[in-house]
N, C-alpha and C. Protein backbone atom coordinates (compact mmCIF):
# COMPACT_ATOMS: atom_id res chain seq x y z
N MET A 1 125.10 90.23 52.40
CA MET A 1 125.74 90.31 53.59
C MET A 1 127.21 90.52 53.88
N THR A 2 127.45 91.82 54.97
CA THR A 2 128.82 91.86 54.97
C THR A 2 129.39 90.79 55.60
N GLU A 3 130.73 90.94 55.60
CA GLU A 3 131.47 89.83 56.17
C GLU A 3 131.58 90.13 57.90
N GLU A 4 131.30 91.53 58.32
CA GLU A 4 131.08 91.72 59.69
C GLU A 4 129.50 91.20 60.43
N LEU A 5 128.48 91.33 59.37
CA LEU A 5 127.31 90.69 59.79
C LEU A 5 127.26 89.38 59.89
N ARG A 6 128.04 88.25 58.87
CA ARG A 6 128.17 86.83 58.46
C ARG A 6 129.01 86.65 60.00
N LYS A 7 129.80 87.22 60.26
CA LYS A 7 130.65 86.51 61.50
C LYS A 7 129.68 86.75 62.67
N LYS A 8 128.94 88.16 62.72
CA LYS A 8 128.21 87.94 64.26
C LYS A 8 126.77 87.07 64.45
N ALA A 9 126.70 86.63 62.85
CA ALA A 9 125.51 85.77 62.96
C ALA A 9 126.06 84.71 63.31
N ALA A 10 127.11 84.16 62.78
CA ALA A 10 128.01 82.93 63.04
C ALA A 10 128.25 82.77 64.50
N GLU A 11 128.83 83.68 64.98
CA GLU A 11 129.03 83.69 66.19
C GLU A 11 127.74 83.37 67.39
N MET A 12 126.61 84.22 66.94
CA MET A 12 125.53 84.45 67.83
C MET A 12 125.01 82.73 67.47
N LEU A 13 125.07 82.39 66.77
CA LEU A 13 124.40 80.94 66.50
C LEU A 13 125.42 79.79 67.32
N LEU A 14 126.54 80.21 67.03
CA LEU A 14 127.63 79.23 68.01
C LEU A 14 127.39 79.41 69.48
N ASN A 15 126.74 80.40 69.86
CA ASN A 15 126.64 80.90 71.26
C ASN A 15 125.15 80.23 71.88
N GLY A 16 124.28 79.70 70.73
CA GLY A 16 123.26 79.20 71.22
C GLY A 16 122.09 80.33 70.44
N ALA A 17 122.23 80.72 69.77
CA ALA A 17 121.02 81.77 69.10
C ALA A 17 120.05 81.12 68.33
N THR A 18 118.98 81.10 67.92
CA THR A 18 118.34 80.54 66.69
C THR A 18 118.14 81.45 65.83
N LEU A 19 117.43 80.71 64.53
CA LEU A 19 117.40 81.24 63.36
C LEU A 19 115.47 81.44 63.50
N LEU A 20 115.33 82.97 63.37
CA LEU A 20 113.56 82.79 63.28
C LEU A 20 113.25 82.57 61.77
N SER A 21 111.77 82.08 61.92
CA SER A 21 111.06 81.74 60.85
C SER A 21 110.54 83.12 60.07
N GLU A 22 110.21 84.49 61.04
CA GLU A 22 109.82 85.61 60.23
C GLU A 22 111.06 86.37 59.91
N PRO A 23 110.83 86.93 58.54
CA PRO A 23 111.92 87.84 58.02
C PRO A 23 112.10 89.24 58.82
N CYS A 24 113.09 89.71 58.43
CA CYS A 24 113.44 90.84 59.06
C CYS A 24 112.11 92.11 58.43
N PRO A 25 111.55 93.02 59.13
CA PRO A 25 110.44 93.50 58.88
C PRO A 25 111.06 94.64 57.76
N TYR A 26 112.01 94.84 57.72
CA TYR A 26 112.79 96.25 56.49
C TYR A 26 113.18 95.50 55.54
N CYS A 27 114.14 94.22 55.19
CA CYS A 27 114.39 93.93 54.00
C CYS A 27 114.02 92.67 53.89
N LYS A 28 113.32 91.76 54.72
CA LYS A 28 112.73 90.46 54.66
C LYS A 28 114.26 89.35 54.48
N GLY A 29 115.07 89.86 55.04
CA GLY A 29 116.11 89.09 55.15
C GLY A 29 116.11 88.00 56.53
N VAL A 30 116.68 87.36 56.65
CA VAL A 30 116.90 86.03 57.36
C VAL A 30 117.48 86.70 58.81
N ARG A 31 116.40 86.43 59.88
CA ARG A 31 117.07 87.01 61.27
C ARG A 31 117.10 85.43 62.09
N VAL A 32 118.19 86.37 62.92
CA VAL A 32 119.03 85.58 64.21
C VAL A 32 118.74 86.22 65.78
N MET A 33 118.09 85.22 66.29
CA MET A 33 117.77 85.84 67.76
C MET A 33 118.08 85.05 68.87
N LYS A 34 118.98 85.94 69.77
CA LYS A 34 119.58 85.40 71.12
C LYS A 34 119.08 86.23 72.15
N GLU A 35 118.47 85.57 73.29
CA GLU A 35 118.24 86.77 74.64
C GLU A 35 117.38 87.87 74.09
N GLY A 36 116.51 87.49 73.25
CA GLY A 36 115.45 88.33 73.09
C GLY A 36 116.05 89.61 71.92
N GLN A 37 117.25 89.30 71.56
CA GLN A 37 117.63 90.36 70.60
C GLN A 37 117.73 89.77 69.39
N ALA A 38 117.35 90.23 68.25
CA ALA A 38 117.03 89.93 66.75
C ALA A 38 117.74 90.64 66.08
N LEU A 39 119.00 90.10 65.16
CA LEU A 39 119.59 90.44 64.01
C LEU A 39 119.82 89.89 62.91
N CYS A 40 119.47 91.07 61.73
CA CYS A 40 118.80 90.45 60.34
C CYS A 40 120.57 90.52 59.69
N THR A 41 120.67 89.22 59.01
CA THR A 41 121.85 89.00 58.62
C THR A 41 121.96 89.61 57.49
N LYS A 42 120.80 90.62 56.74
CA LYS A 42 121.17 91.16 55.66
C LYS A 42 121.32 92.54 55.86
N CYS A 43 120.60 93.28 56.56
CA CYS A 43 120.85 94.55 56.71
C CYS A 43 121.07 95.03 57.79
N GLY A 44 121.26 94.33 58.75
CA GLY A 44 121.87 94.57 60.36
C GLY A 44 121.10 95.13 61.03
N ARG A 45 119.92 95.20 60.67
CA ARG A 45 118.96 96.20 61.93
C ARG A 45 118.02 95.03 62.63
N ALA A 46 117.50 96.15 63.82
CA ALA A 46 116.87 94.93 64.73
C ALA A 46 115.66 95.87 64.70
N PRO A 47 114.16 95.34 64.94
CA PRO A 47 113.33 95.97 64.91
C PRO A 47 113.00 97.00 65.96
N GLU A 48 112.66 98.00 65.66
CA GLU A 48 112.03 99.04 66.61
C GLU A 48 111.68 98.38 68.11
N LYS A 49 111.97 99.19 69.28
CA LYS A 49 111.29 98.71 70.43
C LYS A 49 110.19 100.13 70.34
N ARG A 50 109.29 99.34 70.49
CA ARG A 50 107.86 100.35 70.85
C ARG A 50 107.43 100.09 72.09
N LYS A 51 106.81 101.30 72.83
CA LYS A 51 106.35 100.94 73.82
C LYS A 51 104.74 100.85 73.65
N ILE A 52 104.45 100.31 74.28
CA ILE A 52 102.90 99.82 74.39
C ILE A 52 101.98 100.93 75.14
N VAL A 53 101.54 101.70 74.75
CA VAL A 53 100.54 102.64 75.48
C VAL A 53 98.74 102.53 75.37
N THR A 54 98.45 102.26 76.82
CA THR A 54 97.24 101.77 76.93
C THR A 54 96.57 102.91 77.78
N GLU A 55 95.56 103.26 76.69
CA GLU A 55 94.74 104.50 77.59
C GLU A 55 94.14 104.21 78.89
N GLU A 56 94.06 105.41 79.62
CA GLU A 56 94.07 105.23 80.93
C GLU A 56 92.37 104.85 81.08
N LYS A 57 91.52 105.32 80.32
CA LYS A 57 89.92 104.84 80.23
C LYS A 57 89.83 103.57 79.64
N GLU A 58 90.73 102.57 78.83
CA GLU A 58 90.62 101.38 78.46
C GLU A 58 90.93 100.62 80.01
N VAL A 59 91.98 100.98 80.60
CA VAL A 59 92.47 100.44 81.93
C VAL A 59 91.29 100.28 83.10
N LYS A 60 90.81 101.56 82.95
CA LYS A 60 89.77 101.86 84.34
C LYS A 60 88.63 101.08 84.06
N ASN A 61 88.41 100.75 82.80
CA ASN A 61 86.66 100.09 82.36
C ASN A 61 87.21 98.54 82.44
N LYS A 62 88.54 98.14 82.99
CA LYS A 62 88.30 96.68 82.95
C LYS A 62 88.32 96.10 84.42
N ASN A 63 87.99 97.14 85.37
CA ASN A 63 87.92 96.81 86.83
C ASN A 63 86.95 97.62 87.55
N PRO A 64 85.47 97.90 87.20
CA PRO A 64 84.69 99.12 87.64
C PRO A 64 84.59 98.79 89.23
N LEU A 65 84.97 97.77 90.27
CA LEU A 65 85.01 97.82 91.49
C LEU A 65 86.11 98.79 91.84
N LYS A 66 87.45 98.30 91.13
CA LYS A 66 89.08 99.46 91.39
C LYS A 66 88.39 100.83 91.62
N ASN A 67 87.97 100.84 90.24
CA ASN A 67 87.24 102.47 89.78
C ASN A 67 86.73 102.74 90.81
N THR A 68 85.56 102.50 91.71
CA THR A 68 84.78 102.82 92.36
C THR A 68 85.63 103.01 93.91
N LEU A 69 86.66 102.08 94.22
CA LEU A 69 87.36 102.37 95.12
C LEU A 69 88.49 103.23 95.16
N ASP A 70 88.81 103.66 94.09
CA ASP A 70 89.78 104.86 93.62
C ASP A 70 89.01 106.19 93.61
N LYS A 71 88.01 106.29 93.65
CA LYS A 71 87.06 107.54 93.79
C LYS A 71 86.81 107.60 95.47
N LYS A 72 86.15 106.61 95.92
CA LYS A 72 85.88 106.52 97.14
C LYS A 72 87.10 107.15 97.99
N LEU A 73 88.27 106.27 97.62
CA LEU A 73 89.42 107.00 98.23
C LEU A 73 90.03 108.46 98.10
N GLU A 74 89.63 108.90 96.93
CA GLU A 74 89.62 110.61 96.66
C GLU A 74 88.82 111.25 97.56
N ILE A 75 87.71 110.59 97.82
CA ILE A 75 86.66 111.43 98.34
C ILE A 75 86.84 111.52 99.76
N LEU A 76 87.36 110.67 100.22
CA LEU A 76 87.95 110.42 101.64
C LEU A 76 88.49 111.09 102.18
N SER A 77 89.47 111.14 101.31
CA SER A 77 91.03 112.10 101.79
C SER A 77 90.47 113.39 101.60
N LYS A 78 89.97 113.97 100.64
CA LYS A 78 89.59 115.41 100.82
C LYS A 78 88.73 115.58 102.14
N GLU A 79 87.80 114.69 102.05
CA GLU A 79 87.01 115.01 103.69
C GLU A 79 88.12 115.06 105.19
N LEU A 80 89.08 114.25 104.86
CA LEU A 80 89.73 113.99 105.71
C LEU A 80 90.79 115.43 105.89
N GLU A 81 90.93 116.00 104.73
CA GLU A 81 91.82 117.15 104.85
C GLU A 81 90.73 118.42 105.64
N ARG A 82 89.49 118.18 105.40
CA ARG A 82 88.92 119.45 106.00
C ARG A 82 88.46 119.25 107.23
N GLU A 83 88.50 118.01 107.75
CA GLU A 83 87.77 117.95 109.08
C GLU A 83 88.68 118.42 110.40
N THR A 84 88.22 118.70 111.42
CA THR A 84 88.58 119.23 112.21
C THR A 84 88.35 118.57 113.51
N ASP A 85 87.82 117.87 113.67
CA ASP A 85 87.10 116.74 114.65
C ASP A 85 87.73 115.69 114.81
N HIS A 86 88.41 115.38 115.89
CA HIS A 86 89.45 114.48 116.19
C HIS A 86 88.81 112.92 115.89
N ASP A 87 87.33 112.43 116.52
CA ASP A 87 86.58 111.86 116.52
C ASP A 87 86.22 111.54 114.73
N LYS A 88 85.84 112.57 114.49
CA LYS A 88 84.88 111.96 113.01
C LYS A 88 86.58 112.02 111.88
N GLN A 89 88.03 112.46 112.28
CA GLN A 89 89.00 112.28 111.32
C GLN A 89 89.31 110.65 111.88
N GLN A 90 89.20 110.26 112.99
CA GLN A 90 89.40 108.72 113.37
C GLN A 90 88.62 107.80 112.37
N SER A 91 87.19 108.33 112.03
CA SER A 91 86.28 107.56 111.36
C SER A 91 86.52 107.16 109.99
N ILE A 92 86.89 108.49 109.65
CA ILE A 92 87.46 108.64 108.06
C ILE A 92 88.22 107.78 107.79
N LEU A 93 89.76 108.03 108.66
CA LEU A 93 90.63 107.00 108.47
C LEU A 93 90.63 105.65 108.88
N LYS A 94 89.58 105.04 109.38
CA LYS A 94 88.85 103.60 109.35
C LYS A 94 88.59 103.25 108.12
N SER A 95 87.57 104.43 107.49
CA SER A 95 87.36 103.85 106.47
C SER A 95 88.38 103.98 104.98
N ILE A 96 88.93 104.79 105.35
CA ILE A 96 90.33 104.65 103.88
C ILE A 96 91.16 103.42 104.48
N ASN A 97 91.11 102.82 105.76
CA ASN A 97 91.80 101.74 105.74
C ASN A 97 91.19 100.45 105.32
N LEU A 98 89.89 100.71 105.28
CA LEU A 98 89.18 99.56 104.75
C LEU A 98 88.98 99.73 103.32
N VAL A 99 88.92 100.87 102.87
CA VAL A 99 88.88 100.68 101.55
C VAL A 99 90.49 100.40 100.79
N LEU A 100 91.68 100.43 101.16
CA LEU A 100 92.96 100.31 100.97
C LEU A 100 92.93 98.86 101.16
N GLU A 101 92.30 97.91 102.30
CA GLU A 101 92.53 96.81 102.29
C GLU A 101 91.74 95.81 101.16
N MET A 102 90.59 96.47 100.71
CA MET A 102 90.01 95.71 99.74
C MET A 102 90.37 95.98 98.62
N MET A 103 91.41 97.00 98.14
CA MET A 103 92.39 97.17 96.86
C MET A 103 93.60 96.24 96.83
N GLU A 104 93.64 96.11 98.29
CA GLU A 104 94.56 94.66 98.32
C GLU A 104 94.20 93.59 97.63
N LYS A 105 93.21 93.34 98.20
CA LYS A 105 92.40 91.95 97.94
C LYS A 105 92.46 91.84 96.44
N ILE A 106 91.70 93.10 95.83
CA ILE A 106 91.89 93.08 94.34
C ILE A 106 92.78 92.69 93.62
N LYS A 107 93.95 93.50 94.08
CA LYS A 107 95.33 93.22 93.13
C LYS A 107 95.75 91.85 93.30
N LYS A 108 95.27 91.17 94.64
CA LYS A 108 95.86 89.49 94.22
C LYS A 108 95.18 88.50 93.76
N GLN A 109 93.96 89.25 93.06
CA GLN A 109 93.13 88.24 92.19
C GLN A 109 93.79 88.10 91.12
């Protein structure tokens, strides 16, 4: 461990950091963590930040009602674009509003 890393780790510990039980994924050294930031006292590296990617299909399969409402909203939007009759437009807008209200209810669950 370099002198600089030792000082940084000691400073972190004095300021409320904790030692982690899991070793560094790169060199198996001891790690110190404060405010979600881990520091290896041996190599000085922090684990790479990885973005968790979920496929759209996986998310869609979790709530079939939301999927149905999304499709219905898309259909109603296209129908509204094509419609020229004012009364029919009003009817479509009411349906869109109902779909949006239902989607809000689902979000709150």
